[in-house]
C-alpha atoms as a PDB file:
ATOM      1  CA  PRO A   1       0.956  -4.151 -37.206  1.00  0.00           C
ATOM      2  CA  LEU A   2       2.679  -4.830 -33.924  1.00  0.00           C
ATOM      3  CA  ASN A   3       2.428  -1.227 -32.742  1.00  0.00           C
ATOM      4  CA  ARG A   4       5.316  -1.660 -30.300  1.00  0.00           C
ATOM      5  CA  PHE A   5       8.243   0.591 -29.551  1.00  0.00           C
ATOM      6  CA  VAL A   6      11.413  -1.205 -28.490  1.00  0.00           C
ATOM      7  CA  MET A   7      14.225   0.554 -26.666  1.00  0.00           C
ATOM      8  CA  VAL A   8      17.548  -1.239 -26.221  1.00  0.00           C
ATOM      9  CA  GLN A   9      19.992   0.267 -23.766  1.00  0.00           C
ATOM     10  CA  ALA A  10      23.612  -0.902 -23.563  1.00  0.00           C
ATOM     11  CA  LEU A  11      25.730   0.242 -20.642  1.00  0.00           C
ATOM     12  CA  LEU A  12      29.487  -0.103 -20.190  1.00  0.00           C
ATOM     13  CA  GLU A  13      30.837   0.548 -16.697  1.00  0.00           C
ATOM     14  CA  LEU A  14      34.509   1.364 -16.197  1.00  0.00           C
ATOM     15  CA  PRO A  15      35.346   0.759 -12.521  1.00  0.00           C
ATOM     16  CA  SER A  16      38.490   2.181 -10.930  1.00  0.00           C
ATOM     17  CA  SER A  17      39.930  -1.329 -10.573  1.00  0.00           C
ATOM     18  CA  GLY A  18      40.014  -1.701 -14.341  1.00  0.00           C
ATOM     19  CA  ALA A  19      38.207  -3.845 -16.921  1.00  0.00           C
ATOM     20  CA  VAL A  20      34.731  -3.207 -18.317  1.00  0.00           C
ATOM     21  CA  ILE A  21      31.360  -4.318 -16.905  1.00  0.00           C
ATOM     22  CA  PRO A  22      28.731  -4.499 -19.673  1.00  0.00           C
ATOM     23  CA  SER A  23      24.987  -4.571 -19.115  1.00  0.00           C
ATOM     24  CA  PHE A  24      21.932  -4.060 -21.274  1.00  0.00           C
ATOM     25  CA  SER A  25      18.150  -3.793 -21.029  1.00  0.00           C
ATOM     26  CA  VAL A  26      15.372  -4.271 -23.573  1.00  0.00           C
ATOM     27  CA  ARG A  27      12.051  -2.511 -22.954  1.00  0.00           C
ATOM     28  CA  THR A  28       8.904  -2.446 -25.055  1.00  0.00           C
ATOM     29  CA  ALA A  29       5.949  -0.074 -24.862  1.00  0.00           C
ATOM     30  CA  LYS A  30       2.716   0.564 -26.711  1.00  0.00           C
ATOM     31  CA  LEU A  31       3.033   4.333 -26.930  1.00  0.00           C
ATOM     32  CA  ILE A  32       0.450   4.686 -29.724  1.00  0.00           C
ATOM     33  CA  ARG A  33      -2.299   3.150 -27.624  1.00  0.00           C
ATOM     34  CA  TYR A  34      -5.331   3.388 -29.902  1.00  0.00           C
ATOM     35  CA  HIS A  35      -4.508   2.324 -33.434  1.00  0.00           C
ATOM     36  CA  SER A  36      -6.750  -0.578 -34.543  1.00  0.00           C
ATOM     37  CA  ALA A  37     -10.425  -1.429 -34.157  1.00  0.00           C
ATOM     38  CA  GLN A  38      -9.613  -3.669 -31.187  1.00  0.00           C
ATOM     39  CA  ASP A  39      -7.798  -0.781 -29.524  1.00  0.00           C
ATOM     40  CA  PHE A  40     -10.819   1.468 -29.911  1.00  0.00           C
ATOM     41  CA  SER A  41     -13.095  -1.206 -28.438  1.00  0.00           C
ATOM     42  CA  MET A  42     -10.765  -1.287 -25.418  1.00  0.00           C
ATOM     43  CA  LEU A  43     -11.072   2.504 -25.276  1.00  0.00           C
ATOM     44  CA  GLY A  44     -14.850   2.144 -25.018  1.00  0.00           C
ATOM     45  CA  LEU A  45     -14.501  -0.346 -22.166  1.00  0.00           C
ATOM     46  CA  GLU A  46     -12.055   1.911 -20.352  1.00  0.00           C
ATOM     47  CA  VAL A  47     -14.377   4.905 -20.672  1.00  0.00           C
ATOM     48  CA  ALA A  48     -17.315   2.799 -19.396  1.00  0.00           C
ATOM     49  CA  LEU A  49     -15.241   1.655 -16.411  1.00  0.00           C
ATOM     50  CA  LEU A  50     -14.268   5.242 -15.600  1.00  0.00           C
ATOM     51  CA  LEU A  51     -17.900   6.343 -15.791  1.00  0.00           C
ATOM     52  CA  LEU A  52     -18.987   3.521 -13.475  1.00  0.00           C
ATOM     53  CA  LEU A  53     -16.268   4.372 -10.958  1.00  0.00           C
ATOM     54  CA  PHE A  54     -17.164   8.066 -11.129  1.00  0.00           C
ATOM     55  CA  MET A  55     -20.877   7.368 -10.573  1.00  0.00           C
ATOM     56  CA  ASP A  56     -20.062   4.994  -7.710  1.00  0.00           C
ATOM     57  CA  ALA A  57     -17.840   7.617  -6.075  1.00  0.00           C
ATOM     58  CA  ILE A  58     -20.560  10.289  -6.383  1.00  0.00           C
ATOM     59  CA  ASP A  59     -23.146   7.885  -4.946  1.00  0.00           C
ATOM     60  CA  LYS A  60     -20.958   7.072  -1.942  1.00  0.00           C
ATOM     61  CA  TYR A  61     -20.183  10.757  -1.365  1.00  0.00           C
ATOM     62  CA  LEU A  62     -23.877  11.692  -1.336  1.00  0.00           C
ATOM     63  CA  PHE A  63     -24.727   8.758   0.939  1.00  0.00           C
ATOM     64  CA  PHE A  64     -22.080   9.608   3.539  1.00  0.00           C
ATOM     65  CA  ARG A  65     -22.932  13.301   3.426  1.00  0.00           C
ATOM     66  CA  ASN A  66     -26.729  12.941   3.658  1.00  0.00           C
ATOM     67  CA  PHE A  67     -26.829  10.220   6.307  1.00  0.00           C
ATOM     68  CA  ASP A  68     -23.825  11.475   8.307  1.00  0.00           C
ATOM     69  CA  VAL A  69     -22.114   8.069   8.310  1.00  0.00           C
ATOM     70  CA  SER A  70     -18.429   7.722   9.149  1.00  0.00           C
ATOM     71  CA  LEU A  71     -16.258   6.209   6.439  1.00  0.00           C
ATOM     72  CA  ARG A  72     -14.334   4.207   9.043  1.00  0.00           C
ATOM     73  CA  GLN A  73     -17.413   2.131   9.812  1.00  0.00           C
ATOM     74  CA  SER A  74     -17.229   0.290   6.490  1.00  0.00           C
ATOM     75  CA  HIS A  75     -13.997  -1.470   5.519  1.00  0.00           C
ATOM     76  CA  TRP A  76     -15.159  -2.131   1.987  1.00  0.00           C
ATOM     77  CA  ASP A  77     -15.838   1.588   1.425  1.00  0.00           C
ATOM     78  CA  LEU A  78     -12.262   2.346   2.488  1.00  0.00           C
ATOM     79  CA  TYR A  79     -11.162  -0.351   0.048  1.00  0.00           C
ATOM     80  CA  ASP A  80     -13.152   1.360  -2.717  1.00  0.00           C
ATOM     81  CA  LEU A  81     -11.495   4.663  -1.846  1.00  0.00           C
ATOM     82  CA  PHE A  82      -8.120   2.987  -2.330  1.00  0.00           C
ATOM     83  CA  LEU A  83      -9.264   1.748  -5.755  1.00  0.00           C
ATOM     84  CA  TYR A  84     -10.293   5.291  -6.714  1.00  0.00           C
ATOM     85  CA  LEU A  85      -6.816   6.538  -5.802  1.00  0.00           C
ATOM     86  CA  LEU A  86      -5.218   3.829  -7.944  1.00  0.00           C
ATOM     87  CA  VAL A  87      -7.401   4.803 -10.921  1.00  0.00           C
ATOM     88  CA  PHE A  88      -6.444   8.447 -10.418  1.00  0.00           C
ATOM     89  CA  PHE A  89      -2.727   7.575 -10.475  1.00  0.00           C
ATOM     90  CA  ILE A  90      -3.173   5.414 -13.590  1.00  0.00           C
ATOM     91  CA  VAL A  91      -4.873   8.264 -15.453  1.00  0.00           C
ATOM     92  CA  VAL A  92      -2.179  10.728 -14.367  1.00  0.00           C
ATOM     93  CA  PHE A  93       0.741   8.496 -15.376  1.00  0.00           C
ATOM     94  CA  ARG A  94      -0.821   7.670 -18.721  1.00  0.00           C
ATOM     95  CA  ALA A  95      -1.390  11.347 -19.388  1.00  0.00           C
ATOM     96  CA  VAL A  96       2.256  12.068 -18.565  1.00  0.00           C
ATOM     97  CA  ALA A  97       3.423   9.259 -20.872  1.00  0.00           C
ATOM     98  CA  VAL A  98       1.229  10.581 -23.706  1.00  0.00           C
ATOM     99  CA  ALA A  99       2.541  14.114 -23.140  1.00  0.00           C
ATOM    100  CA  LYS A 100       6.150  12.898 -23.215  1.00  0.00           C
ATOM    101  CA  PHE A 101       5.517  10.977 -26.404  1.00  0.00           C
ATOM    102  CA  ALA A 102       3.690  13.903 -28.042  1.00  0.00           C
ATOM    103  CA  ALA A 103       6.590  16.212 -27.204  1.00  0.00           C
ATOM    104  CA  LEU A 104       8.855  14.072 -29.400  1.00  0.00           C
ATOM    105  CA  SER A 105       6.751  14.791 -32.527  1.00  0.00           C
ATOM    106  CA  PHE A 106       7.280  11.232 -33.693  1.00  0.00           C
ATOM    107  CA  ASP A 107       7.120  10.655 -37.449  1.00  0.00           C
ATOM    108  CA  PRO A 108       7.920   7.117 -38.688  1.00  0.00           C
ATOM    109  CA  SER A 109       8.909   8.436 -42.111  1.00  0.00           C
ATOM    110  CA  VAL A 110      11.681  10.601 -40.649  1.00  0.00           C
ATOM    111  CA  ARG A 111      14.886   8.683 -39.877  1.00  0.00           C
ATOM    112  CA  ILE A 112      16.166  10.545 -36.834  1.00  0.00           C
ATOM    113  CA  TYR A 113      16.933   9.562 -33.240  1.00  0.00           C
ATOM    114  CA  TYR A 114      14.027   9.767 -30.817  1.00  0.00           C
ATOM    115  CA  ASN A 115      14.694   9.505 -27.094  1.00  0.00           C
ATOM    116  CA  PHE A 116      11.826   7.387 -25.779  1.00  0.00           C
ATOM    117  CA  ALA A 117      13.344   6.915 -22.312  1.00  0.00           C
ATOM    118  CA  GLY A 118      11.052   9.408 -20.551  1.00  0.00           C
ATOM    119  CA  ALA A 119       7.873   8.224 -22.265  1.00  0.00           C
ATOM    120  CA  MET A 120       8.701   4.563 -21.636  1.00  0.00           C
ATOM    121  CA  TYR A 121       9.487   5.203 -17.980  1.00  0.00           C
ATOM    122  CA  TRP A 122       6.087   6.763 -17.281  1.00  0.00           C
ATOM    123  CA  TYR A 123       4.417   4.093 -19.426  1.00  0.00           C
ATOM    124  CA  ASP A 124       5.994   1.348 -17.288  1.00  0.00           C
ATOM    125  CA  VAL A 125       4.920   3.132 -14.086  1.00  0.00           C
ATOM    126  CA  GLY A 126       1.354   3.416 -15.371  1.00  0.00           C
ATOM    127  CA  GLU A 127       1.286  -0.263 -16.373  1.00  0.00           C
ATOM    128  CA  GLY A 128       2.569  -1.237 -12.926  1.00  0.00           C
ATOM    129  CA  PHE A 129      -0.264   0.692 -11.244  1.00  0.00           C
ATOM    130  CA  LEU A 130      -2.698  -0.868 -13.721  1.00  0.00           C
ATOM    131  CA  ALA A 131      -1.531  -4.358 -12.738  1.00  0.00           C
ATOM    132  CA  LEU A 132      -1.913  -3.428  -9.055  1.00  0.00           C
ATOM    133  CA  PHE A 133      -5.419  -2.110  -9.720  1.00  0.00           C
ATOM    134  CA  ALA A 134      -6.385  -5.322 -11.548  1.00  0.00           C
ATOM    135  CA  TRP A 135      -5.233  -7.448  -8.601  1.00  0.00           C
ATOM    136  CA  PHE A 136      -7.140  -5.400  -6.022  1.00  0.00           C
ATOM    137  CA  LEU A 137     -10.191  -5.257  -8.285  1.00  0.00           C
ATOM    138  CA  TRP A 138     -10.340  -9.051  -8.463  1.00  0.00           C
ATOM    139  CA  PHE A 139      -9.865  -9.243  -4.702  1.00  0.00           C
ATOM    140  CA  ARG A 140     -12.912  -6.984  -4.289  1.00  0.00           C
ATOM    141  CA  SER A 141     -15.082  -9.843  -5.545  1.00  0.00           C
ATOM    142  CA  PHE A 142     -14.814 -11.277  -2.014  1.00  0.00           C
ATOM    143  CA  LYS A 143     -17.266  -8.553  -0.978  1.00  0.00           C
ATOM    144  CA  PHE A 144     -19.965 -10.318  -3.000  1.00  0.00           C
ATOM    145  CA  LEU A 145     -18.721 -13.828  -2.259  1.00  0.00           C
ATOM    146  CA  ASN A 146     -19.108 -12.974   1.425  1.00  0.00           C
ATOM    147  CA  GLU A 147     -22.801 -13.794   0.997  1.00  0.00           C
ATOM    148  CA  LEU A 148     -21.810 -17.447   0.551  1.00  0.00           C
ATOM    149  CA  SER A 149     -20.907 -19.515   3.583  1.00  0.00           C
ATOM    150  CA  TRP A 150     -17.658 -21.009   2.281  1.00  0.00           C
ATOM    151  CA  ALA A 151     -16.297 -17.622   1.199  1.00  0.00           C
ATOM    152  CA  ARG A 152     -17.348 -16.084   4.531  1.00  0.00           C
ATOM    153  CA  VAL A 153     -15.454 -18.839   6.357  1.00  0.00           C
ATOM    154  CA  ILE A 154     -12.306 -18.123   4.331  1.00  0.00           C
ATOM    155  CA  LEU A 155     -12.458 -14.390   5.059  1.00  0.00           C
ATOM    156  CA  GLN A 156     -13.142 -14.883   8.758  1.00  0.00           C
ATOM    157  CA  THR A 157     -10.287 -17.390   9.010  1.00  0.00           C
ATOM    158  CA  LEU A 158      -7.828 -15.010   7.343  1.00  0.00           C
ATOM    159  CA  LEU A 159      -8.948 -12.085   9.505  1.00  0.00           C
ATOM    160  CA  ARG A 160      -8.618 -14.102  12.705  1.00  0.00           C
ATOM    161  CA  ALA A 161      -5.189 -15.427  11.690  1.00  0.00           C
ATOM    162  CA  ALA A 162      -3.891 -12.044  10.473  1.00  0.00           C
ATOM    163  CA  GLY A 163      -2.125 -11.108  13.719  1.00  0.00           C
ATOM    164  CA  PRO A 164      -0.199 -14.380  14.240  1.00  0.00           C
ATOM    165  CA  LEU A 165       0.609 -14.568  10.526  1.00  0.00           C
ATOM    166  CA  VAL A 166       2.195 -11.102  10.591  1.00  0.00           C
ATOM    167  CA  GLY A 167       4.399 -12.112  13.529  1.00  0.00           C
ATOM    168  CA  LEU A 168       5.387 -15.361  11.820  1.00  0.00           C
ATOM    169  CA  SER A 169       6.124 -13.502   8.576  1.00  0.00           C
ATOM    170  CA  LEU A 170       8.516 -11.143  10.367  1.00  0.00           C
ATOM    171  CA  SER A 171      10.254 -14.065  12.068  1.00  0.00           C
ATOM    172  CA  GLY A 172      10.485 -15.971   8.786  1.00  0.00           C
ATOM    173  CA  PHE A 173      11.852 -12.919   6.975  1.00  0.00           C
ATOM    174  CA  LEU A 174      14.595 -12.489   9.590  1.00  0.00           C
ATOM    175  CA  LEU A 175      15.543 -16.151   9.226  1.00  0.00           C
ATOM    176  CA  LEU A 176      15.528 -15.740   5.455  1.00  0.00           C
ATOM    177  CA  LEU A 177      17.878 -12.755   5.712  1.00  0.00           C
ATOM    178  CA  ALA A 178      20.173 -14.766   7.992  1.00  0.00           C
ATOM    179  CA  PHE A 179      20.328 -17.756   5.622  1.00  0.00           C
ATOM    180  CA  ALA A 180      20.871 -15.472   2.607  1.00  0.00           C
ATOM    181  CA  HIS A 181      23.755 -13.708   4.356  1.00  0.00           C
ATOM    182  CA  VAL A 182      25.358 -16.978   5.462  1.00  0.00           C
ATOM    183  CA  GLY A 183      24.942 -18.487   2.007  1.00  0.00           C
ATOM    184  CA  LEU A 184      26.509 -15.438   0.364  1.00  0.00           C
ATOM    185  CA  LEU A 185      29.538 -15.500   2.670  1.00  0.00           C
ATOM    186  CA  ALA A 186      30.055 -19.275   2.609  1.00  0.00           C
ATOM    187  CA  PHE A 187      29.121 -20.221  -0.965  1.00  0.00           C
ATOM    188  CA  GLY A 188      28.917 -16.936  -2.902  1.00  0.00           C
ATOM    189  CA  THR A 189      31.889 -17.819  -5.107  1.00  0.00           C
ATOM    190  CA  GLU A 190      30.859 -21.432  -5.663  1.00  0.00           C
ATOM    191  CA  ILE A 191      27.066 -21.430  -6.154  1.00  0.00           C
ATOM    192  CA  HIS A 192      25.561 -19.238  -8.865  1.00  0.00           C
ATOM    193  CA  ASP A 193      22.242 -18.788  -7.016  1.00  0.00           C
ATOM    194  CA  LEU A 194      24.065 -17.167  -4.067  1.00  0.00           C
ATOM    195  CA  ARG A 195      26.405 -14.837  -5.969  1.00  0.00           C
ATOM    196  CA  THR A 196      24.955 -11.566  -4.573  1.00  0.00           C
ATOM    197  CA  PHE A 197      22.850 -10.735  -1.526  1.00  0.00           C
ATOM    198  CA  GLY A 198      19.730  -9.904  -3.537  1.00  0.00           C
ATOM    199  CA  VAL A 199      20.021 -13.057  -5.634  1.00  0.00           C
ATOM    200  CA  ALA A 200      20.725 -15.103  -2.488  1.00  0.00           C
ATOM    201  CA  LEU A 201      17.630 -13.697  -0.781  1.00  0.00           C
ATOM    202  CA  SER A 202      15.353 -14.529  -3.719  1.00  0.00           C
ATOM    203  CA  SER A 203      16.999 -17.960  -4.098  1.00  0.00           C
ATOM    204  CA  CYS A 204      16.474 -18.787  -0.411  1.00  0.00           C
ATOM    205  CA  PHE A 205      12.815 -17.881  -0.775  1.00  0.00           C
ATOM    206  CA  ARG A 206      12.633 -20.175  -3.811  1.00  0.00           C
ATOM    207  CA  PHE A 207      14.402 -22.951  -1.893  1.00  0.00           C
ATOM    208  CA  ILE A 208      11.433 -23.111   0.507  1.00  0.00           C
ATOM    209  CA  PHE A 209       9.282 -24.481  -2.310  1.00  0.00           C
ATOM    210  CA  GLY A 210      11.957 -26.710  -3.826  1.00  0.00           C
ATOM    211  CA  GLY A 211      14.940 -26.509  -6.158  1.00  0.00           C
ATOM    212  CA  MET A 212      17.611 -26.738  -3.451  1.00  0.00           C
ATOM    213  CA  ARG A 213      20.163 -29.348  -4.631  1.00  0.00           C
ATOM    214  CA  TYR A 214      22.077 -31.162  -1.913  1.00  0.00           C
ATOM    215  CA  GLU A 215      24.917 -32.253  -4.255  1.00  0.00           C
ATOM    216  CA  GLU A 216      25.655 -28.647  -5.231  1.00  0.00           C
ATOM    217  CA  PHE A 217      26.051 -27.562  -1.594  1.00  0.00           C
ATOM    218  CA  ARG A 218      28.126 -30.621  -0.728  1.00  0.00           C
ATOM    219  CA  ALA A 219      30.457 -29.914  -3.624  1.00  0.00           C
ATOM    220  CA  ALA A 220      30.754 -26.253  -2.554  1.00  0.00           C
ATOM    221  CA  GLY A 221      31.633 -27.198   1.053  1.00  0.00           C
ATOM    222  CA  PRO A 222      32.070 -30.765   2.329  1.00  0.00           C
ATOM    223  CA  LEU A 223      31.274 -29.646   5.894  1.00  0.00           C
ATOM    224  CA  LEU A 224      29.383 -26.343   5.692  1.00  0.00           C
ATOM    225  CA  GLY A 225      27.324 -27.405   2.668  1.00  0.00           C
ATOM    226  CA  PRO A 226      25.395 -30.254   4.350  1.00  0.00           C
ATOM    227  CA  ILE A 227      25.057 -28.225   7.588  1.00  0.00           C
ATOM    228  CA  PHE A 228      23.568 -25.268   5.666  1.00  0.00           C
ATOM    229  CA  TYR A 229      21.267 -27.573   3.693  1.00  0.00           C
ATOM    230  CA  VAL A 230      19.928 -29.445   6.727  1.00  0.00           C
ATOM    231  CA  SER A 231      19.558 -26.263   8.828  1.00  0.00           C
ATOM    232  CA  PHE A 232      17.634 -24.506   6.070  1.00  0.00           C
ATOM    233  CA  LYS A 233      15.279 -27.452   5.549  1.00  0.00           C
ATOM    234  CA  VAL A 234      14.622 -27.846   9.285  1.00  0.00           C
ATOM    235  CA  TRP A 235      14.057 -24.172  10.132  1.00  0.00           C
ATOM    236  CA  MET A 236      12.356 -22.866   7.013  1.00  0.00           C
ATOM    237  CA  VAL A 237      10.449 -25.915   5.765  1.00  0.00           C
ATOM    238  CA  LEU A 238       9.756 -28.139   8.757  1.00  0.00           C
ATOM    239  CA  ILE A 239       9.238 -25.390  11.364  1.00  0.00           C
ATOM    240  CA  MET A 240       8.160 -22.097   9.751  1.00  0.00           C
ATOM    241  CA  VAL A 241       5.914 -23.547   7.043  1.00  0.00           C
ATOM    242  CA  ARG A 242       4.223 -25.893   9.511  1.00  0.00           C
ATOM    243  CA  PHE A 243       3.697 -23.004  11.916  1.00  0.00           C
ATOM    244  CA  PHE A 244       1.887 -21.105   9.158  1.00  0.00           C
ATOM    245  CA  VAL A 245      -0.328 -24.105   8.420  1.00  0.00           C
ATOM    246  CA  ALA A 246      -1.004 -24.667  12.137  1.00  0.00           C
ATOM    247  CA  VAL A 247      -2.095 -21.035  12.651  1.00  0.00           C
ATOM    248  CA  LEU A 248      -4.495 -21.244   9.722  1.00  0.00           C
ATOM    249  CA  LEU A 249      -5.913 -24.557  10.941  1.00  0.00           C
ATOM    250  CA  ASP A 250      -6.459 -23.221  14.478  1.00  0.00           C
ATOM    251  CA  SER A 251      -8.200 -20.135  13.133  1.00  0.00           C
ATOM    252  CA  TYR A 252     -10.358 -22.307  10.885  1.00  0.00           C
ATOM    253  CA  ARG A 253     -11.383 -24.505  13.834  1.00  0.00           C
ATOM    254  CA  GLU A 254     -12.288 -21.432  15.909  1.00  0.00           C
ATOM    255  CA  VAL A 255     -14.388 -20.016  13.072  1.00  0.00           C
ATOM    256  CA  MET A 256     -16.202 -23.320  12.571  1.00  0.00           C
ATOM    257  CA  GLN A 257     -16.759 -23.590  16.336  1.00  0.00           C
ATOM    258  CA  ASP A 258     -18.404 -20.159  16.301  1.00  0.00           C
ATOM    259  CA  ARG A 259     -20.546 -21.173  13.346  1.00  0.00           C
ATOM    260  CA  LYS A 260     -21.563 -24.631  14.593  1.00  0.00           C
ATOM    261  CA  ASP A 261     -25.141 -23.505  15.335  1.00  0.00           C
ATOM    262  CA  ARG A 262     -25.586 -21.835  11.960  1.00  0.00           C
ATOM    263  CA  TRP A 263     -26.532 -23.166   8.589  1.00  0.00           C
ATOM    264  CA  ARG A 264     -23.819 -25.382   7.134  1.00  0.00           C
ATOM    265  CA  PHE A 265     -24.786 -24.376   3.630  1.00  0.00           C
ATOM    266  CA  SER A 266     -25.431 -20.782   2.698  1.00  0.00           C
ATOM    267  CA  PHE A 267     -27.031 -19.810  -0.579  1.00  0.00           C
ATOM    268  CA  PRO A 268     -29.005 -16.535  -0.537  1.00  0.00           C
ATOM    269  CA  PRO A 269     -31.984 -17.662  -2.691  1.00  0.00           C
ATOM    270  CA  ALA A 270     -32.369 -20.866  -0.657  1.00  0.00           C
ATOM    271  CA  GLU A 271     -32.027 -18.933   2.611  1.00  0.00           C
ATOM    272  CA  ALA A 272     -34.687 -16.434   1.488  1.00  0.00           C
ATOM    273  CA  LEU A 273     -37.067 -19.265   0.544  1.00  0.00           C
ATOM    274  CA  ALA A 274     -36.439 -21.023   3.866  1.00  0.00           C
ATOM    275  CA  SER A 275     -37.012 -17.823   5.879  1.00  0.00           C
ATOM    276  CA  ASP A 276     -40.296 -17.201   4.022  1.00  0.00           C
ATOM    277  CA  LEU A 277     -41.371 -20.782   4.723  1.00  0.00           C
ATOM    278  CA  VAL A 278     -40.556 -20.473   8.433  1.00  0.00           C
ATOM    279  CA  ALA A 279     -42.448 -17.148   8.637  1.00  0.00           C
ATOM    280  CA  TRP A 280     -45.487 -18.729   6.949  1.00  0.00           C
ATOM    281  CA  ILE A 281     -45.466 -21.696   9.358  1.00  0.00           C
ATOM    282  CA  ARG A 282     -45.243 -19.368  12.347  1.00  0.00           C
ATOM    283  CA  GLY A 283     -48.107 -17.265  10.991  1.00  0.00           C
ATOM    284  CA  GLN A 284     -50.271 -20.367  10.583  1.00  0.00           C
ATOM    285  CA  LYS A 285     -49.450 -21.448  14.136  1.00  0.00           C
ATOM    286  CA  ILE A 286     -50.415 -18.027  15.533  1.00  0.00           C
ATOM    287  CA  LYS A 287     -53.718 -18.112  13.633  1.00  0.00           C
ATOM    288  CA  THR A 288     -54.444 -21.581  15.012  1.00  0.00           C
ATOM    289  CA  ASP A 289     -53.737 -20.440  18.587  1.00  0.00           C
ATOM    290  CA  VAL A 290     -55.986 -17.405  18.163  1.00  0.00           C
ATOM    291  CA  ASN A 291     -58.845 -19.574  16.837  1.00  0.00           C
ATOM    292  CA  VAL A 292     -58.484 -21.987  19.758  1.00  0.00           C
ATOM    293  CA  ASP A 293     -58.608 -19.097  22.263  1.00  0.00           C
ATOM    294  CA  ALA A 294     -61.703 -17.688  20.552  1.00  0.00           C
ATOM    295  CA  ASN A 295     -63.471 -21.063  20.621  1.00  0.00           C
ATOM    296  CA  ASP A 296     -62.620 -21.769  24.269  1.00  0.00           C
ATOM    297  CA  LYS A 297     -63.181 -18.259  25.583  1.00  0.00           C
ATOM    298  CA  HIS A 298     -66.730 -18.947  26.872  1.00  0.00           C
ATOM    299  CA  HIS A 299     -65.456 -21.815  29.061  1.00  0.00           C
ATOM    300  CA  PHE A 300     -63.121 -19.555  31.029  1.00  0.00           C
ATOM    301  CA  HIS A 301     -64.937 -16.268  30.906  1.00  0.00           C
ATOM    302  CA  GLY A 302     -66.598 -16.616  34.343  1.00  0.00           C
ATOM    303  CA  VAL A 303     -63.416 -17.818  35.996  1.00  0.00           C
ATOM    304  CA  LYS A 304     -61.421 -14.901  34.645  1.00  0.00           C
ATOM    305  CA  ASP A 305     -63.998 -12.379  35.819  1.00  0.00           C
ATOM    306  CA  SER A 306     -64.047 -13.812  39.340  1.00  0.00           C
ATOM    307  CA  MET A 307     -60.236 -13.834  39.475  1.00  0.00           C
ATOM    308  CA  LEU A 308     -60.134 -10.210  38.399  1.00  0.00           C
ATOM    309  CA  GLU A 309     -62.650  -9.212  41.096  1.00  0.00           C
ATOM    310  CA  ASP A 310     -60.615 -11.010  43.789  1.00  0.00           C
ATOM    311  CA  LEU A 311     -57.414  -9.330  42.639  1.00  0.00           C
ATOM    312  CA  ALA A 312     -59.065  -5.908  42.645  1.00  0.00           C
ATOM    313  CA  GLN A 313     -60.319  -6.453  46.209  1.00  0.00           C
ATOM    314  CA  GLN A 314     -56.851  -7.539  47.357  1.00  0.00           C
ATOM    315  CA  VAL A 315     -55.269  -4.469  45.790  1.00  0.00           C
ATOM    316  CA  ASP A 316     -57.757  -2.128  47.450  1.00  0.00           C
ATOM    317  CA  ARG A 317     -57.241  -3.809  50.822  1.00  0.00           C
ATOM    318  CA  ARG A 318     -53.469  -3.506  50.465  1.00  0.00           C
ATOM    319  CA  LYS A 319     -53.768   0.157  49.542  1.00  0.00           C
ATOM    320  CA  ARG A 320     -55.802   0.841  52.682  1.00  0.00           C
ATOM    321  CA  GLU A 321     -53.235  -0.985  54.840  1.00  0.00           C
ATOM    322  CA  ILE A 322     -50.390   1.043  53.363  1.00  0.00           C
ATOM    323  CA  SER A 323     -52.290   4.341  53.813  1.00  0.00           C
ATOM    324  CA  GLU A 324     -52.844   3.527  57.527  1.00  0.00           C
ATOM    325  CA  MET A 325     -49.119   2.887  58.121  1.00  0.00           C
ATOM    326  CA  ASP A 326     -46.958   5.569  59.661  1.00  0.00           C
ATOM    327  CA  ALA A 327     -43.532   6.478  58.328  1.00  0.00           C
ATOM    328  CA  ARG A 328     -41.602   4.013  60.495  1.00  0.00           C
ATOM    329  CA  GLU A 329     -43.797   1.040  59.603  1.00  0.00           C
ATOM    330  CA  MET A 330     -43.572   1.933  55.911  1.00  0.00           C
ATOM    331  CA  TYR A 331     -39.779   2.071  56.158  1.00  0.00           C
ATOM    332  CA  GLU A 332     -39.645  -1.339  57.840  1.00  0.00           C
ATOM    333  CA  GLU A 333     -41.986  -2.771  55.235  1.00  0.00           C
ATOM    334  CA  LEU A 334     -39.784  -1.499  52.411  1.00  0.00           C
ATOM    335  CA  GLN A 335     -36.673  -2.877  54.085  1.00  0.00           C
ATOM    336  CA  GLY A 336     -38.301  -6.268  54.388  1.00  0.00           C
ATOM    337  CA  ARG A 337     -39.297  -6.292  50.725  1.00  0.00           C
ATOM    338  CA  ILE A 338     -35.807  -5.239  49.646  1.00  0.00           C
ATOM    339  CA  GLY A 339     -34.293  -8.007  51.787  1.00  0.00           C
ATOM    340  CA  LYS A 340     -36.550 -10.592  50.174  1.00  0.00           C
ATOM    341  CA  MET A 341     -35.607  -9.358  46.694  1.00  0.00           C
ATOM    342  CA  GLN A 342     -31.873  -9.558  47.483  1.00  0.00           C
ATOM    343  CA  LYS A 343     -32.273 -13.078  48.902  1.00  0.00           C
ATOM    344  CA  HIS A 344     -34.175 -14.091  45.777  1.00  0.00           C
ATOM    345  CA  MET A 345     -31.454 -12.655  43.507  1.00  0.00           C
ATOM    346  CA  ASP A 346     -28.708 -14.404  45.510  1.00  0.00           C
ATOM    347  CA  SER A 347     -30.497 -17.730  45.165  1.00  0.00           C
ATOM    348  CA  LYS A 348     -30.715 -17.164  41.397  1.00  0.00           C
END
């Protein structure tokens, strides 16, 4: 069975100017959520996901409480907190939809009118939050891809270009509003894609990626049509889009310049093997140096002892000289030493 509820709404508006404005909407919803074996398998997966999220939330709570770590220090933990809030809203909205549907006491064998508007509204809200959660959940995979060099470069490029991209987005949105308003006023009665402001705004955004027909604008206005077409292509396509690409390219060059002394290829198992190999080579080199020192120690033993005796005698002699100085001589000696140190630092 399809297990789908369909609600068709027809609306007739009677404005004060006369005539009738009809409109309709068709909405479908799966209000009986668990009906077949496949539905119950999905129920098991949903319960497993909720248990994993609950255990992860408890683990993070205990970690931050025991180690006294601030949540603001980890951006990914804040991201996880946002995911927990989305899951909470999904559960709440689904519970409300189920309660609304249960209040109707639906019986398919009874031929009476059931008002599914409330249940379908909360079902649609819950599905919207579920779609949002799915998008953010897939985006969270970048946390694990960050261990790879190419994914780390992408994230660092986007983070570095975030500020300029926000400014360009605001500027582009203002230009888009301006073109939508001009198109509505100049060609709203001639071009179907510019019939209302909302439709004109979405159409102008679509025109950036193609679908803008020059003949249609020329037929709508022999003078304003070509001017609008050329202005839109120059400002939105040639200037704004290229600015976006230029900002991303500059950020990418800066990131690669910062990473020029690092490994070009990053793969955690290979990096771990290489680090172990480097540590082993260094250990072998240290052992070799120690063996050489032990073998050659008898050649330099007498020299080292004589040098130590000379140094000890010089230190004792200097101590006696300092003890025989009066306060003024000691002060002058310290000033001289400080002057030499400053001169040495200036030369450095």
